[in-house]
Amino acid sequence: MASTKLFFENPNTGQMKEAPLGFSWTVFFFGAFPAAFRGDWKWFVIMILVAAVTMGLSNLVFMFIYNKLYIKELVESGYKVKSVEMGTVEQVSNKVGMNLPQLQTA
């Protein structure tokens, strides 16, 4: 399930976001820039500052945890899971260790 993606929708705005699970190859190759491309400015700034202090070594940690941090931020911002690329929302919830709210369709 490492390559599984979650598709989120904010029920208040209708805005949709995509979030991969597991190891972040984009952080591995590009450092903090994937956070900027996703509009995740909070983690972009944190990752840049920590990378500056650690001379880039922090990316070795962030590549393992960033996707989960991004999913947590989306859920806290009101996004709900619309669909899962592979598996079920329950399986993904167990994998990431948090309750993922599902978007209720009419």
PDB file of N, CA and C in Angstrom:
ATOM      1  N   MET A   1       0.815  -1.202   0.000  1.00  0.00           N
ATOM      2  CA  MET A   1       0.000   0.000   0.000  1.00  0.00           C
ATOM      3  C   MET A   1       0.857   1.265   0.000  1.00  0.00           C
ATOM      4  N   ALA A   2       2.160   1.128  -0.196  1.00  0.00           N
ATOM      5  CA  ALA A   2       3.049   2.289  -0.133  1.00  0.00           C
ATOM      6  C   ALA A   2       2.768   3.297  -1.232  1.00  0.00           C
ATOM      7  N   SER A   3       2.293   2.837  -2.384  1.00  0.00           N
ATOM      8  CA  SER A   3       2.039   3.772  -3.474  1.00  0.00           C
ATOM      9  C   SER A   3       0.587   4.239  -3.524  1.00  0.00           C
ATOM     10  N   THR A   4      -0.188   3.880  -2.532  1.00  0.00           N
ATOM     11  CA  THR A   4      -1.596   4.258  -2.487  1.00  0.00           C
ATOM     12  C   THR A   4      -1.738   5.760  -2.312  1.00  0.00           C
ATOM     13  N   LYS A   5      -2.734   6.314  -2.958  1.00  0.00           N
ATOM     14  CA  LYS A   5      -3.051   7.732  -2.796  1.00  0.00           C
ATOM     15  C   LYS A   5      -4.442   7.872  -2.201  1.00  0.00           C
ATOM     16  N   LEU A   6      -4.594   8.917  -1.413  1.00  0.00           N
ATOM     17  CA  LEU A   6      -5.894   9.296  -0.880  1.00  0.00           C
ATOM     18  C   LEU A   6      -6.367  10.518  -1.647  1.00  0.00           C
ATOM     19  N   PHE A   7      -7.648  10.573  -1.892  1.00  0.00           N
ATOM     20  CA  PHE A   7      -8.237  11.727  -2.557  1.00  0.00           C
ATOM     21  C   PHE A   7      -9.180  12.385  -1.558  1.00  0.00           C
ATOM     22  N   PHE A   8      -8.881  13.630  -1.221  1.00  0.00           N
ATOM     23  CA  PHE A   8      -9.626  14.383  -0.222  1.00  0.00           C
ATOM     24  C   PHE A   8     -10.484  15.450  -0.879  1.00  0.00           C
ATOM     25  N   GLU A   9     -11.586  15.790  -0.200  1.00  0.00           N
ATOM     26  CA  GLU A   9     -12.414  16.924  -0.610  1.00  0.00           C
ATOM     27  C   GLU A   9     -12.816  17.682   0.641  1.00  0.00           C
ATOM     28  N   ASN A  10     -12.773  18.994   0.537  1.00  0.00           N
ATOM     29  CA  ASN A  10     -13.264  19.834   1.625  1.00  0.00           C
ATOM     30  C   ASN A  10     -14.748  20.045   1.387  1.00  0.00           C
ATOM     31  N   PRO A  11     -15.618  19.521   2.264  1.00  0.00           N
ATOM     32  CA  PRO A  11     -17.063  19.619   2.034  1.00  0.00           C
ATOM     33  C   PRO A  11     -17.578  21.057   2.074  1.00  0.00           C
ATOM     34  N   ASN A  12     -16.836  21.965   2.687  1.00  0.00           N
ATOM     35  CA  ASN A  12     -17.276  23.358   2.774  1.00  0.00           C
ATOM     36  C   ASN A  12     -16.935  24.161   1.525  1.00  0.00           C
ATOM     37  N   THR A  13     -15.810  23.839   0.896  1.00  0.00           N
ATOM     38  CA  THR A  13     -15.353  24.622  -0.256  1.00  0.00           C
ATOM     39  C   THR A  13     -15.407  23.853  -1.564  1.00  0.00           C
ATOM     40  N   GLY A  14     -15.465  22.525  -1.489  1.00  0.00           N
ATOM     41  CA  GLY A  14     -15.436  21.697  -2.692  1.00  0.00           C
ATOM     42  C   GLY A  14     -14.029  21.489  -3.243  1.00  0.00           C
ATOM     43  N   GLN A  15     -13.029  22.092  -2.596  1.00  0.00           N
ATOM     44  CA  GLN A  15     -11.648  21.949  -3.055  1.00  0.00           C
ATOM     45  C   GLN A  15     -11.170  20.522  -2.839  1.00  0.00           C
ATOM     46  N   MET A  16     -10.421  20.012  -3.810  1.00  0.00           N
ATOM     47  CA  MET A  16      -9.938  18.638  -3.740  1.00  0.00           C
ATOM     48  C   MET A  16      -8.419  18.623  -3.649  1.00  0.00           C
ATOM     49  N   LYS A  17      -7.900  17.640  -2.904  1.00  0.00           N
ATOM     50  CA  LYS A  17      -6.456  17.461  -2.744  1.00  0.00           C
ATOM     51  C   LYS A  17      -6.149  15.977  -2.832  1.00  0.00           C
ATOM     52  N   GLU A  18      -4.935  15.693  -3.255  1.00  0.00           N
ATOM     53  CA  GLU A  18      -4.446  14.329  -3.372  1.00  0.00           C
ATOM     54  C   GLU A  18      -3.288  14.163  -2.389  1.00  0.00           C
ATOM     55  N   ALA A  19      -3.248  13.026  -1.704  1.00  0.00           N
ATOM     56  CA  ALA A  19      -2.174  12.795  -0.732  1.00  0.00           C
ATOM     57  C   ALA A  19      -1.669  11.359  -0.840  1.00  0.00           C
ATOM     58  N   PRO A  20      -0.378  11.191  -1.150  1.00  0.00           N
ATOM     59  CA  PRO A  20       0.183   9.841  -1.187  1.00  0.00           C
ATOM     60  C   PRO A  20       0.469   9.331   0.217  1.00  0.00           C
ATOM     61  N   LEU A  21       0.571   8.021   0.341  1.00  0.00           N
ATOM     62  CA  LEU A  21       0.906   7.379   1.619  1.00  0.00           C
ATOM     63  C   LEU A  21       2.338   6.877   1.600  1.00  0.00           C
ATOM     64  N   GLY A  22       2.897   6.757   2.786  1.00  0.00           N
ATOM     65  CA  GLY A  22       4.204   6.126   2.925  1.00  0.00           C
ATOM     66  C   GLY A  22       5.369   7.046   2.630  1.00  0.00           C
ATOM     67  N   PHE A  23       6.455   6.434   2.207  1.00  0.00           N
ATOM     68  CA  PHE A  23       7.714   7.127   1.933  1.00  0.00           C
ATOM     69  C   PHE A  23       7.505   8.206   0.867  1.00  0.00           C
ATOM     70  N   SER A  24       8.090   9.380   1.083  1.00  0.00           N
ATOM     71  CA  SER A  24       7.953  10.482   0.130  1.00  0.00           C
ATOM     72  C   SER A  24       9.188  10.578  -0.760  1.00  0.00           C
ATOM     73  N   TRP A  25       9.055  10.035  -1.960  1.00  0.00           N
ATOM     74  CA  TRP A  25      10.160  10.131  -2.917  1.00  0.00           C
ATOM     75  C   TRP A  25      10.395  11.576  -3.327  1.00  0.00           C
ATOM     76  N   THR A  26       9.344  12.371  -3.349  1.00  0.00           N
ATOM     77  CA  THR A  26       9.515  13.768  -3.746  1.00  0.00           C
ATOM     78  C   THR A  26      10.332  14.543  -2.724  1.00  0.00           C
ATOM     79  N   VAL A  27      10.136  14.268  -1.438  1.00  0.00           N
ATOM     80  CA  VAL A  27      10.963  14.899  -0.402  1.00  0.00           C
ATOM     81  C   VAL A  27      12.389  14.365  -0.503  1.00  0.00           C
ATOM     82  N   PHE A  28      12.535  13.096  -0.796  1.00  0.00           N
ATOM     83  CA  PHE A  28      13.864  12.496  -0.973  1.00  0.00           C
ATOM     84  C   PHE A  28      14.665  13.246  -2.038  1.00  0.00           C
ATOM     85  N   PHE A  29      14.015  13.527  -3.179  1.00  0.00           N
ATOM     86  CA  PHE A  29      14.708  14.173  -4.286  1.00  0.00           C
ATOM     87  C   PHE A  29      14.729  15.701  -4.210  1.00  0.00           C
ATOM     88  N   PHE A  30      13.663  16.314  -3.662  1.00  0.00           N
ATOM     89  CA  PHE A  30      13.525  17.764  -3.751  1.00  0.00           C
ATOM     90  C   PHE A  30      13.429  18.484  -2.411  1.00  0.00           C
ATOM     91  N   GLY A  31      13.630  17.786  -1.301  1.00  0.00           N
ATOM     92  CA  GLY A  31      13.615  18.429   0.005  1.00  0.00           C
ATOM     93  C   GLY A  31      12.255  19.011   0.354  1.00  0.00           C
ATOM     94  N   ALA A  32      12.228  20.265   0.742  1.00  0.00           N
ATOM     95  CA  ALA A  32      10.995  20.918   1.206  1.00  0.00           C
ATOM     96  C   ALA A  32      10.075  21.357   0.073  1.00  0.00           C
ATOM     97  N   PHE A  33      10.542  21.349  -1.150  1.00  0.00           N
ATOM     98  CA  PHE A  33       9.749  21.907  -2.251  1.00  0.00           C
ATOM     99  C   PHE A  33       8.415  21.205  -2.517  1.00  0.00           C
ATOM    100  N   PRO A  34       8.280  19.899  -2.311  1.00  0.00           N
ATOM    101  CA  PRO A  34       6.945  19.294  -2.473  1.00  0.00           C
ATOM    102  C   PRO A  34       5.896  19.933  -1.566  1.00  0.00           C
ATOM    103  N   ALA A  35       6.286  20.332  -0.362  1.00  0.00           N
ATOM    104  CA  ALA A  35       5.335  21.002   0.531  1.00  0.00           C
ATOM    105  C   ALA A  35       4.873  22.315  -0.091  1.00  0.00           C
ATOM    106  N   ALA A  36       5.785  23.053  -0.706  1.00  0.00           N
ATOM    107  CA  ALA A  36       5.418  24.313  -1.357  1.00  0.00           C
ATOM    108  C   ALA A  36       4.494  24.056  -2.546  1.00  0.00           C
ATOM    109  N   PHE A  37       4.788  23.016  -3.345  1.00  0.00           N
ATOM    110  CA  PHE A  37       3.945  22.708  -4.500  1.00  0.00           C
ATOM    111  C   PHE A  37       2.539  22.294  -4.084  1.00  0.00           C
ATOM    112  N   ARG A  38       2.401  21.707  -2.897  1.00  0.00           N
ATOM    113  CA  ARG A  38       1.091  21.308  -2.386  1.00  0.00           C
ATOM    114  C   ARG A  38       0.378  22.453  -1.684  1.00  0.00           C
ATOM    115  N   GLY A  39       1.048  23.583  -1.518  1.00  0.00           N
ATOM    116  CA  GLY A  39       0.454  24.711  -0.800  1.00  0.00           C
ATOM    117  C   GLY A  39       0.512  24.542   0.701  1.00  0.00           C
ATOM    118  N   ASP A  40       1.366  23.666   1.171  1.00  0.00           N
ATOM    119  CA  ASP A  40       1.525  23.379   2.591  1.00  0.00           C
ATOM    120  C   ASP A  40       2.642  24.265   3.140  1.00  0.00           C
ATOM    121  N   TRP A  41       2.331  25.558   3.256  1.00  0.00           N
ATOM    122  CA  TRP A  41       3.343  26.555   3.595  1.00  0.00           C
ATOM    123  C   TRP A  41       3.906  26.381   4.994  1.00  0.00           C
ATOM    124  N   LYS A  42       3.114  25.941   5.931  1.00  0.00           N
ATOM    125  CA  LYS A  42       3.599  25.723   7.300  1.00  0.00           C
ATOM    126  C   LYS A  42       4.767  24.736   7.308  1.00  0.00           C
ATOM    127  N   TRP A  43       4.564  23.570   6.698  1.00  0.00           N
ATOM    128  CA  TRP A  43       5.620  22.548   6.700  1.00  0.00           C
ATOM    129  C   TRP A  43       6.755  22.913   5.764  1.00  0.00           C
ATOM    130  N   PHE A  44       6.493  23.673   4.726  1.00  0.00           N
ATOM    131  CA  PHE A  44       7.572  24.153   3.859  1.00  0.00           C
ATOM    132  C   PHE A  44       8.554  24.992   4.673  1.00  0.00           C
ATOM    133  N   VAL A  45       8.032  25.946   5.428  1.00  0.00           N
ATOM    134  CA  VAL A  45       8.888  26.821   6.234  1.00  0.00           C
ATOM    135  C   VAL A  45       9.622  26.011   7.307  1.00  0.00           C
ATOM    136  N   ILE A  46       8.893  25.128   7.992  1.00  0.00           N
ATOM    137  CA  ILE A  46       9.525  24.307   9.031  1.00  0.00           C
ATOM    138  C   ILE A  46      10.647  23.463   8.432  1.00  0.00           C
ATOM    139  N   MET A  47      10.384  22.829   7.303  1.00  0.00           N
ATOM    140  CA  MET A  47      11.383  21.958   6.685  1.00  0.00           C
ATOM    141  C   MET A  47      12.606  22.752   6.216  1.00  0.00           C
ATOM    142  N   ILE A  48      12.389  23.945   5.681  1.00  0.00           N
ATOM    143  CA  ILE A  48      13.510  24.789   5.237  1.00  0.00           C
ATOM    144  C   ILE A  48      14.357  25.201   6.436  1.00  0.00           C
ATOM    145  N   LEU A  49      13.702  25.651   7.508  1.00  0.00           N
ATOM    146  CA  LEU A  49      14.449  26.096   8.690  1.00  0.00           C
ATOM    147  C   LEU A  49      15.229  24.953   9.336  1.00  0.00           C
ATOM    148  N   VAL A  50      14.573  23.811   9.488  1.00  0.00           N
ATOM    149  CA  VAL A  50      15.249  22.665  10.110  1.00  0.00           C
ATOM    150  C   VAL A  50      16.381  22.166   9.207  1.00  0.00           C
ATOM    151  N   ALA A  51      16.170  22.178   7.897  1.00  0.00           N
ATOM    152  CA  ALA A  51      17.227  21.760   6.971  1.00  0.00           C
ATOM    153  C   ALA A  51      18.425  22.706   7.055  1.00  0.00           C
ATOM    154  N   ALA A  52      18.160  23.999   7.229  1.00  0.00           N
ATOM    155  CA  ALA A  52      19.254  24.970   7.353  1.00  0.00           C
ATOM    156  C   ALA A  52      20.074  24.701   8.610  1.00  0.00           C
ATOM    157  N   VAL A  53      19.397  24.380   9.693  1.00  0.00           N
ATOM    158  CA  VAL A  53      20.086  24.112  10.961  1.00  0.00           C
ATOM    159  C   VAL A  53      20.853  22.795  10.911  1.00  0.00           C
ATOM    160  N   THR A  54      20.284  21.798  10.241  1.00  0.00           N
ATOM    161  CA  THR A  54      20.909  20.465  10.215  1.00  0.00           C
ATOM    162  C   THR A  54      21.730  20.213   8.946  1.00  0.00           C
ATOM    163  N   MET A  55      21.939  21.252   8.157  1.00  0.00           N
ATOM    164  CA  MET A  55      22.675  21.145   6.886  1.00  0.00           C
ATOM    165  C   MET A  55      22.055  20.085   5.966  1.00  0.00           C
ATOM    166  N   GLY A  56      20.729  20.040   5.940  1.00  0.00           N
ATOM    167  CA  GLY A  56      20.010  19.151   5.045  1.00  0.00           C
ATOM    168  C   GLY A  56      19.769  17.747   5.559  1.00  0.00           C
ATOM    169  N   LEU A  57      20.356  17.381   6.671  1.00  0.00           N
ATOM    170  CA  LEU A  57      20.183  16.020   7.188  1.00  0.00           C
ATOM    171  C   LEU A  57      18.750  15.729   7.630  1.00  0.00           C
ATOM    172  N   SER A  58      18.004  16.766   7.971  1.00  0.00           N
ATOM    173  CA  SER A  58      16.617  16.558   8.405  1.00  0.00           C
ATOM    174  C   SER A  58      15.757  15.950   7.302  1.00  0.00           C
ATOM    175  N   ASN A  59      16.147  16.137   6.043  1.00  0.00           N
ATOM    176  CA  ASN A  59      15.378  15.533   4.947  1.00  0.00           C
ATOM    177  C   ASN A  59      15.366  14.018   5.040  1.00  0.00           C
ATOM    178  N   LEU A  60      16.401  13.443   5.682  1.00  0.00           N
ATOM    179  CA  LEU A  60      16.429  11.992   5.872  1.00  0.00           C
ATOM    180  C   LEU A  60      15.313  11.525   6.796  1.00  0.00           C
ATOM    181  N   VAL A  61      14.835  12.413   7.658  1.00  0.00           N
ATOM    182  CA  VAL A  61      13.707  12.098   8.536  1.00  0.00           C
ATOM    183  C   VAL A  61      12.403  12.466   7.841  1.00  0.00           C
ATOM    184  N   PHE A  62      12.351  13.668   7.259  1.00  0.00           N
ATOM    185  CA  PHE A  62      11.108  14.137   6.646  1.00  0.00           C
ATOM    186  C   PHE A  62      10.624  13.253   5.503  1.00  0.00           C
ATOM    187  N   MET A  63      11.524  12.600   4.787  1.00  0.00           N
ATOM    188  CA  MET A  63      11.066  11.759   3.678  1.00  0.00           C
ATOM    189  C   MET A  63      10.251  10.564   4.166  1.00  0.00           C
ATOM    190  N   PHE A  64      10.433  10.191   5.439  1.00  0.00           N
ATOM    191  CA  PHE A  64       9.652   9.095   6.004  1.00  0.00           C
ATOM    192  C   PHE A  64       8.354   9.562   6.655  1.00  0.00           C
ATOM    193  N   ILE A  65       8.268  10.826   7.073  1.00  0.00           N
ATOM    194  CA  ILE A  65       7.105  11.274   7.842  1.00  0.00           C
ATOM    195  C   ILE A  65       6.254  12.349   7.169  1.00  0.00           C
ATOM    196  N   TYR A  66       6.768  12.983   6.106  1.00  0.00           N
ATOM    197  CA  TYR A  66       6.045  14.141   5.563  1.00  0.00           C
ATOM    198  C   TYR A  66       4.653  13.790   5.043  1.00  0.00           C
ATOM    199  N   ASN A  67       4.490  12.708   4.317  1.00  0.00           N
ATOM    200  CA  ASN A  67       3.164  12.390   3.769  1.00  0.00           C
ATOM    201  C   ASN A  67       2.120  12.230   4.878  1.00  0.00           C
ATOM    202  N   LYS A  68       2.503  11.615   5.991  1.00  0.00           N
ATOM    203  CA  LYS A  68       1.578  11.470   7.116  1.00  0.00           C
ATOM    204  C   LYS A  68       1.264  12.841   7.734  1.00  0.00           C
ATOM    205  N   LEU A  69       2.276  13.695   7.849  1.00  0.00           N
ATOM    206  CA  LEU A  69       2.055  15.052   8.369  1.00  0.00           C
ATOM    207  C   LEU A  69       1.081  15.818   7.468  1.00  0.00           C
ATOM    208  N   TYR A  70       1.233  15.663   6.167  1.00  0.00           N
ATOM    209  CA  TYR A  70       0.367  16.352   5.205  1.00  0.00           C
ATOM    210  C   TYR A  70      -1.080  15.861   5.339  1.00  0.00           C
ATOM    211  N   ILE A  71      -1.256  14.548   5.470  1.00  0.00           N
ATOM    212  CA  ILE A  71      -2.602  13.988   5.646  1.00  0.00           C
ATOM    213  C   ILE A  71      -3.229  14.521   6.926  1.00  0.00           C
ATOM    214  N   LYS A  72      -2.456  14.567   8.000  1.00  0.00           N
ATOM    215  CA  LYS A  72      -2.959  15.088   9.278  1.00  0.00           C
ATOM    216  C   LYS A  72      -3.393  16.546   9.137  1.00  0.00           C
ATOM    217  N   GLU A  73      -2.615  17.355   8.442  1.00  0.00           N
ATOM    218  CA  GLU A  73      -2.966  18.766   8.219  1.00  0.00           C
ATOM    219  C   GLU A  73      -4.259  18.894   7.410  1.00  0.00           C
ATOM    220  N   LEU A  74      -4.418  18.042   6.389  1.00  0.00           N
ATOM    221  CA  LEU A  74      -5.640  18.094   5.588  1.00  0.00           C
ATOM    222  C   LEU A  74      -6.869  17.778   6.444  1.00  0.00           C
ATOM    223  N   VAL A  75      -6.774  16.729   7.256  1.00  0.00           N
ATOM    224  CA  VAL A  75      -7.896  16.342   8.116  1.00  0.00           C
ATOM    225  C   VAL A  75      -8.214  17.457   9.108  1.00  0.00           C
ATOM    226  N   GLU A  76      -7.175  18.059   9.701  1.00  0.00           N
ATOM    227  CA  GLU A  76      -7.384  19.150  10.648  1.00  0.00           C
ATOM    228  C   GLU A  76      -7.980  20.392   9.974  1.00  0.00           C
ATOM    229  N   SER A  77      -7.772  20.528   8.671  1.00  0.00           N
ATOM    230  CA  SER A  77      -8.319  21.662   7.922  1.00  0.00           C
ATOM    231  C   SER A  77      -9.736  21.403   7.425  1.00  0.00           C
ATOM    232  N   GLY A  78     -10.295  20.237   7.757  1.00  0.00           N
ATOM    233  CA  GLY A  78     -11.679  19.941   7.389  1.00  0.00           C
ATOM    234  C   GLY A  78     -11.850  19.061   6.173  1.00  0.00           C
ATOM    235  N   TYR A  79     -10.763  18.605   5.576  1.00  0.00           N
ATOM    236  CA  TYR A  79     -10.873  17.727   4.415  1.00  0.00           C
ATOM    237  C   TYR A  79     -11.321  16.340   4.854  1.00  0.00           C
ATOM    238  N   LYS A  80     -12.064  15.685   3.963  1.00  0.00           N
ATOM    239  CA  LYS A  80     -12.526  14.322   4.220  1.00  0.00           C
ATOM    240  C   LYS A  80     -12.144  13.446   3.036  1.00  0.00           C
ATOM    241  N   VAL A  81     -11.912  12.170   3.320  1.00  0.00           N
ATOM    242  CA  VAL A  81     -11.498  11.238   2.270  1.00  0.00           C
ATOM    243  C   VAL A  81     -12.674  10.984   1.337  1.00  0.00           C
ATOM    244  N   LYS A  82     -12.442  11.262   0.061  1.00  0.00           N
ATOM    245  CA  LYS A  82     -13.455  11.000  -0.954  1.00  0.00           C
ATOM    246  C   LYS A  82     -13.287   9.590  -1.521  1.00  0.00           C
ATOM    247  N   SER A  83     -12.015   9.203  -1.749  1.00  0.00           N
ATOM    248  CA  SER A  83     -11.743   7.849  -2.242  1.00  0.00           C
ATOM    249  C   SER A  83     -10.297   7.474  -1.956  1.00  0.00           C
ATOM    250  N   VAL A  84     -10.034   6.173  -2.113  1.00  0.00           N
ATOM    251  CA  VAL A  84      -8.703   5.610  -1.900  1.00  0.00           C
ATOM    252  C   VAL A  84      -8.320   4.870  -3.171  1.00  0.00           C
ATOM    253  N   GLU A  85      -7.084   5.056  -3.594  1.00  0.00           N
ATOM    254  CA  GLU A  85      -6.621   4.411  -4.825  1.00  0.00           C
ATOM    255  C   GLU A  85      -6.633   2.884  -4.705  1.00  0.00           C
ATOM    256  N   MET A  86      -6.138   2.368  -3.569  1.00  0.00           N
ATOM    257  CA  MET A  86      -6.114   0.920  -3.334  1.00  0.00           C
ATOM    258  C   MET A  86      -6.538   0.649  -1.905  1.00  0.00           C
ATOM    259  N   GLY A  87      -7.354  -0.368  -1.702  1.00  0.00           N
ATOM    260  CA  GLY A  87      -7.781  -0.728  -0.354  1.00  0.00           C
ATOM    261  C   GLY A  87      -8.992   0.075   0.080  1.00  0.00           C
ATOM    262  N   THR A  88      -9.193   0.113   1.397  1.00  0.00           N
ATOM    263  CA  THR A  88     -10.336   0.821   1.965  1.00  0.00           C
ATOM    264  C   THR A  88      -9.843   1.939   2.879  1.00  0.00           C
ATOM    265  N   VAL A  89     -10.742   2.842   3.216  1.00  0.00           N
ATOM    266  CA  VAL A  89     -10.403   3.931   4.127  1.00  0.00           C
ATOM    267  C   VAL A  89     -10.010   3.366   5.483  1.00  0.00           C
ATOM    268  N   GLU A  90     -10.670   2.308   5.924  1.00  0.00           N
ATOM    269  CA  GLU A  90     -10.348   1.692   7.211  1.00  0.00           C
ATOM    270  C   GLU A  90      -8.922   1.141   7.213  1.00  0.00           C
ATOM    271  N   GLN A  91      -8.529   0.480   6.120  1.00  0.00           N
ATOM    272  CA  GLN A  91      -7.167  -0.043   6.022  1.00  0.00           C
ATOM    273  C   GLN A  91      -6.139   1.085   6.065  1.00  0.00           C
ATOM    274  N   VAL A  92      -6.420   2.153   5.343  1.00  0.00           N
ATOM    275  CA  VAL A  92      -5.499   3.287   5.318  1.00  0.00           C
ATOM    276  C   VAL A  92      -5.456   3.966   6.682  1.00  0.00           C
ATOM    277  N   SER A  93      -6.605   4.093   7.344  1.00  0.00           N
ATOM    278  CA  SER A  93      -6.648   4.676   8.688  1.00  0.00           C
ATOM    279  C   SER A  93      -5.760   3.901   9.645  1.00  0.00           C
ATOM    280  N   ASN A  94      -5.827   2.585   9.570  1.00  0.00           N
ATOM    281  CA  ASN A  94      -4.979   1.742  10.419  1.00  0.00           C
ATOM    282  C   ASN A  94      -3.506   1.927  10.079  1.00  0.00           C
ATOM    283  N   LYS A  95      -3.206   2.034   8.796  1.00  0.00           N
ATOM    284  CA  LYS A  95      -1.811   2.184   8.361  1.00  0.00           C
ATOM    285  C   LYS A  95      -1.212   3.499   8.852  1.00  0.00           C
ATOM    286  N   VAL A  96      -1.965   4.597   8.766  1.00  0.00           N
ATOM    287  CA  VAL A  96      -1.426   5.898   9.183  1.00  0.00           C
ATOM    288  C   VAL A  96      -1.630   6.156  10.672  1.00  0.00           C
ATOM    289  N   GLY A  97      -2.430   5.323  11.330  1.00  0.00           N
ATOM    290  CA  GLY A  97      -2.608   5.465  12.781  1.00  0.00           C
ATOM    291  C   GLY A  97      -3.480   6.622  13.209  1.00  0.00           C
ATOM    292  N   MET A  98      -4.417   7.003  12.360  1.00  0.00           N
ATOM    293  CA  MET A  98      -5.350   8.068  12.728  1.00  0.00           C
ATOM    294  C   MET A  98      -6.698   7.810  12.067  1.00  0.00           C
ATOM    295  N   ASN A  99      -7.734   8.358  12.674  1.00  0.00           N
ATOM    296  CA  ASN A  99      -9.060   8.219  12.118  1.00  0.00           C
ATOM    297  C   ASN A  99      -9.215   9.182  10.953  1.00  0.00           C
ATOM    298  N   LEU A 100      -9.518   8.655   9.780  1.00  0.00           N
ATOM    299  CA  LEU A 100      -9.701   9.496   8.592  1.00  0.00           C
ATOM    300  C   LEU A 100     -11.197   9.623   8.305  1.00  0.00           C
ATOM    301  N   PRO A 101     -11.719  10.837   8.424  1.00  0.00           N
ATOM    302  CA  PRO A 101     -13.148  11.018   8.162  1.00  0.00           C
ATOM    303  C   PRO A 101     -13.461  10.832   6.682  1.00  0.00           C
ATOM    304  N   GLN A 102     -14.571  10.159   6.415  1.00  0.00           N
ATOM    305  CA  GLN A 102     -14.992   9.923   5.036  1.00  0.00           C
ATOM    306  C   GLN A 102     -16.021  10.946   4.624  1.00  0.00           C
ATOM    307  N   LEU A 103     -15.955  11.337   3.358  1.00  0.00           N
ATOM    308  CA  LEU A 103     -16.926  12.247   2.774  1.00  0.00           C
ATOM    309  C   LEU A 103     -18.216  11.460   2.528  1.00  0.00           C
ATOM    310  N   GLN A 104     -19.307  11.965   3.064  1.00  0.00           N
ATOM    311  CA  GLN A 104     -20.592  11.301   2.878  1.00  0.00           C
ATOM    312  C   GLN A 104     -21.204  11.759   1.559  1.00  0.00           C
ATOM    313  N   THR A 105     -21.482  10.812   0.676  1.00  0.00           N
ATOM    314  CA  THR A 105     -22.091  11.149  -0.606  1.00  0.00           C
ATOM    315  C   THR A 105     -23.584  10.909  -0.537  1.00  0.00           C
ATOM    316  N   ALA A 106     -24.314  11.696  -1.276  1.00  0.00           N
ATOM    317  CA  ALA A 106     -25.772  11.596  -1.251  1.00  0.00           C
ATOM    318  C   ALA A 106     -26.277  10.457  -2.086  1.00  0.00           C
TER     319      ALA A 106
END
